[in-house]
Amino acid sequence: MKREFPFDPTEEPRWSNSDGLPETELIALQESGPNEPKRSQEERMALQETVLDSLSILSAEEAWLLNALLFERLSLRQIERSIGIPKTTVARYRDKVLAKLRDALANDPVIQDYLSG
């Protein structure tokens, strides 16, 4: 069965930039560059150290949950099956842990500088 496209992929794009050259969203994104300013190595290290220090306020269970979600990339359903707690409870616990981290980082001068710059 032949797949129908909403456009002809062999045609030039119908829109163009101010120079009249064909432009795609990918090219526009590549030309725009990253949205955040370049940071010095010292600034990045200070930011990393601040975030790592904030993780020390977490209990072992909280740290395990973040590790499972962020680094092991387990779903709420997989965590539910592994520890026997409903996924809605796991989701609420995740939200509380993230709020705890957010509150710990909110007043840190390194984080405030990062967010303002």
C-alpha atoms as a PDB file:
ATOM      1  CA  MET A   1       0.000   0.000   0.000  1.00  0.00           C
ATOM      2  CA  LYS A   2       1.404   3.363  -1.009  1.00  0.00           C
ATOM      3  CA  ARG A   3       1.658   5.905   1.797  1.00  0.00           C
ATOM      4  CA  GLU A   4       0.121   9.290   1.061  1.00  0.00           C
ATOM      5  CA  PHE A   5       2.014  12.347   2.263  1.00  0.00           C
ATOM      6  CA  PRO A   6       0.287  15.669   2.944  1.00  0.00           C
ATOM      7  CA  PHE A   7       2.941  17.234   0.707  1.00  0.00           C
ATOM      8  CA  ASP A   8       5.252  16.137  -2.083  1.00  0.00           C
ATOM      9  CA  PRO A   9       8.641  15.414  -0.441  1.00  0.00           C
ATOM     10  CA  THR A  10      10.425  16.013  -3.750  1.00  0.00           C
ATOM     11  CA  GLU A  11       9.157  19.602  -4.076  1.00  0.00           C
ATOM     12  CA  GLU A  12      10.967  22.653  -2.772  1.00  0.00           C
ATOM     13  CA  PRO A  13       9.312  24.165   0.295  1.00  0.00           C
ATOM     14  CA  ARG A  14       6.782  26.850  -0.596  1.00  0.00           C
ATOM     15  CA  TRP A  15       7.858  29.243   2.128  1.00  0.00           C
ATOM     16  CA  SER A  16      11.126  31.152   2.102  1.00  0.00           C
ATOM     17  CA  ASN A  17      13.192  33.506   4.216  1.00  0.00           C
ATOM     18  CA  SER A  18      13.889  37.155   3.411  1.00  0.00           C
ATOM     19  CA  ASP A  19      16.598  36.127   0.897  1.00  0.00           C
ATOM     20  CA  GLY A  20      14.104  34.014  -1.029  1.00  0.00           C
ATOM     21  CA  LEU A  21      15.958  30.798  -0.119  1.00  0.00           C
ATOM     22  CA  PRO A  22      13.986  27.691   0.866  1.00  0.00           C
ATOM     23  CA  GLU A  23      13.906  27.279   4.629  1.00  0.00           C
ATOM     24  CA  THR A  24      12.861  24.362   6.791  1.00  0.00           C
ATOM     25  CA  GLU A  25      12.247  24.304  10.495  1.00  0.00           C
ATOM     26  CA  LEU A  26      15.415  22.255  11.006  1.00  0.00           C
ATOM     27  CA  ILE A  27      17.598  24.804   9.218  1.00  0.00           C
ATOM     28  CA  ALA A  28      15.999  27.623  11.205  1.00  0.00           C
ATOM     29  CA  LEU A  29      16.705  25.799  14.462  1.00  0.00           C
ATOM     30  CA  GLN A  30      20.290  25.076  13.470  1.00  0.00           C
ATOM     31  CA  GLU A  31      20.931  28.696  12.574  1.00  0.00           C
ATOM     32  CA  SER A  32      19.370  30.071  15.740  1.00  0.00           C
ATOM     33  CA  GLY A  33      21.772  28.184  18.014  1.00  0.00           C
ATOM     34  CA  PRO A  34      21.128  27.243  21.638  1.00  0.00           C
ATOM     35  CA  ASN A  35      18.736  29.386  23.641  1.00  0.00           C
ATOM     36  CA  GLU A  36      20.928  29.804  26.671  1.00  0.00           C
ATOM     37  CA  PRO A  37      24.093  31.868  26.864  1.00  0.00           C
ATOM     38  CA  LYS A  38      27.516  30.248  27.009  1.00  0.00           C
ATOM     39  CA  ARG A  39      28.689  29.638  30.565  1.00  0.00           C
ATOM     40  CA  SER A  40      32.262  29.495  31.775  1.00  0.00           C
ATOM     41  CA  GLN A  41      33.650  26.234  33.111  1.00  0.00           C
ATOM     42  CA  GLU A  42      33.648  27.710  36.643  1.00  0.00           C
ATOM     43  CA  GLU A  43      29.981  28.697  36.372  1.00  0.00           C
ATOM     44  CA  ARG A  44      29.010  25.239  35.141  1.00  0.00           C
ATOM     45  CA  MET A  45      31.006  23.557  37.918  1.00  0.00           C
ATOM     46  CA  ALA A  46      29.408  25.796  40.574  1.00  0.00           C
ATOM     47  CA  LEU A  47      25.966  25.014  39.206  1.00  0.00           C
ATOM     48  CA  GLN A  48      26.690  21.282  39.149  1.00  0.00           C
ATOM     49  CA  GLU A  49      28.065  21.364  42.699  1.00  0.00           C
ATOM     50  CA  THR A  50      24.989  23.250  43.929  1.00  0.00           C
ATOM     51  CA  VAL A  51      22.610  20.741  42.378  1.00  0.00           C
ATOM     52  CA  LEU A  52      24.599  17.784  43.725  1.00  0.00           C
ATOM     53  CA  ASP A  53      24.652  19.338  47.211  1.00  0.00           C
ATOM     54  CA  SER A  54      20.887  19.759  47.084  1.00  0.00           C
ATOM     55  CA  LEU A  55      20.506  16.036  46.432  1.00  0.00           C
ATOM     56  CA  SER A  56      22.015  15.332  49.855  1.00  0.00           C
ATOM     57  CA  ILE A  57      18.778  16.520  51.518  1.00  0.00           C
ATOM     58  CA  LEU A  58      16.904  13.548  50.041  1.00  0.00           C
ATOM     59  CA  SER A  59      16.202  10.398  52.007  1.00  0.00           C
ATOM     60  CA  ALA A  60      17.373   7.067  50.620  1.00  0.00           C
ATOM     61  CA  GLU A  61      13.863   6.305  49.310  1.00  0.00           C
ATOM     62  CA  GLU A  62      13.584   9.699  47.620  1.00  0.00           C
ATOM     63  CA  ALA A  63      17.003   9.322  46.015  1.00  0.00           C
ATOM     64  CA  TRP A  64      16.094   5.803  44.844  1.00  0.00           C
ATOM     65  CA  LEU A  65      12.902   7.080  43.230  1.00  0.00           C
ATOM     66  CA  LEU A  66      14.676   9.882  41.360  1.00  0.00           C
ATOM     67  CA  ASN A  67      17.384   7.478  40.230  1.00  0.00           C
ATOM     68  CA  ALA A  68      14.780   4.986  39.002  1.00  0.00           C
ATOM     69  CA  LEU A  69      12.858   7.653  37.094  1.00  0.00           C
ATOM     70  CA  LEU A  70      15.684   9.770  35.712  1.00  0.00           C
ATOM     71  CA  PHE A  71      18.648   7.463  35.237  1.00  0.00           C
ATOM     72  CA  GLU A  72      17.176   3.973  35.017  1.00  0.00           C
ATOM     73  CA  ARG A  73      14.305   5.480  32.974  1.00  0.00           C
ATOM     74  CA  LEU A  74      11.695   3.288  34.651  1.00  0.00           C
ATOM     75  CA  SER A  75       8.059   4.192  34.129  1.00  0.00           C
ATOM     76  CA  LEU A  76       5.628   4.745  36.981  1.00  0.00           C
ATOM     77  CA  ARG A  77       4.049   1.399  36.063  1.00  0.00           C
ATOM     78  CA  GLN A  78       7.413  -0.395  36.310  1.00  0.00           C
ATOM     79  CA  ILE A  79       8.099   1.175  39.699  1.00  0.00           C
ATOM     80  CA  GLU A  80       4.581   0.218  40.807  1.00  0.00           C
ATOM     81  CA  ARG A  81       5.276  -3.407  39.920  1.00  0.00           C
ATOM     82  CA  SER A  82       8.691  -3.419  41.587  1.00  0.00           C
ATOM     83  CA  ILE A  83       7.666  -1.927  44.955  1.00  0.00           C
ATOM     84  CA  GLY A  84       3.955  -2.773  45.063  1.00  0.00           C
ATOM     85  CA  ILE A  85       2.658   0.798  45.487  1.00  0.00           C
ATOM     86  CA  PRO A  86       0.005   2.174  43.106  1.00  0.00           C
ATOM     87  CA  LYS A  87       1.420   4.364  40.356  1.00  0.00           C
ATOM     88  CA  THR A  88      -0.702   7.328  41.432  1.00  0.00           C
ATOM     89  CA  THR A  89       0.946   7.154  44.850  1.00  0.00           C
ATOM     90  CA  VAL A  90       4.361   6.904  43.186  1.00  0.00           C
ATOM     91  CA  ALA A  91       3.507   9.952  41.053  1.00  0.00           C
ATOM     92  CA  ARG A  92       2.447  11.965  44.130  1.00  0.00           C
ATOM     93  CA  TYR A  93       5.644  10.946  45.922  1.00  0.00           C
ATOM     94  CA  ARG A  94       7.686  11.970  42.856  1.00  0.00           C
ATOM     95  CA  ASP A  95       5.986  15.359  42.819  1.00  0.00           C
ATOM     96  CA  LYS A  96       6.753  15.862  46.531  1.00  0.00           C
ATOM     97  CA  VAL A  97      10.416  14.959  46.004  1.00  0.00           C
ATOM     98  CA  LEU A  98      10.722  17.379  43.082  1.00  0.00           C
ATOM     99  CA  ALA A  99       9.015  20.132  45.094  1.00  0.00           C
ATOM    100  CA  LYS A 100      11.463  19.490  47.936  1.00  0.00           C
ATOM    101  CA  LEU A 101      14.400  19.894  45.536  1.00  0.00           C
ATOM    102  CA  ARG A 102      12.843  22.953  43.900  1.00  0.00           C
ATOM    103  CA  ASP A 103      12.407  24.605  47.311  1.00  0.00           C
ATOM    104  CA  ALA A 104      15.988  23.757  48.294  1.00  0.00           C
ATOM    105  CA  LEU A 105      17.339  25.295  45.088  1.00  0.00           C
ATOM    106  CA  ALA A 106      15.018  28.298  44.877  1.00  0.00           C
ATOM    107  CA  ASN A 107      16.969  30.519  47.274  1.00  0.00           C
ATOM    108  CA  ASP A 108      20.460  29.474  46.258  1.00  0.00           C
ATOM    109  CA  PRO A 109      22.444  32.404  44.790  1.00  0.00           C
ATOM    110  CA  VAL A 110      24.135  30.224  42.157  1.00  0.00           C
ATOM    111  CA  ILE A 111      20.770  29.035  40.865  1.00  0.00           C
ATOM    112  CA  GLN A 112      19.302  32.549  40.964  1.00  0.00           C
ATOM    113  CA  ASP A 113      22.278  33.840  38.964  1.00  0.00           C
ATOM    114  CA  TYR A 114      21.853  31.028  36.441  1.00  0.00           C
ATOM    115  CA  LEU A 115      18.156  31.723  35.998  1.00  0.00           C
ATOM    116  CA  SER A 116      18.638  35.479  35.646  1.00  0.00           C
ATOM    117  CA  GLY A 117      21.522  35.282  33.213  1.00  0.00           C
END
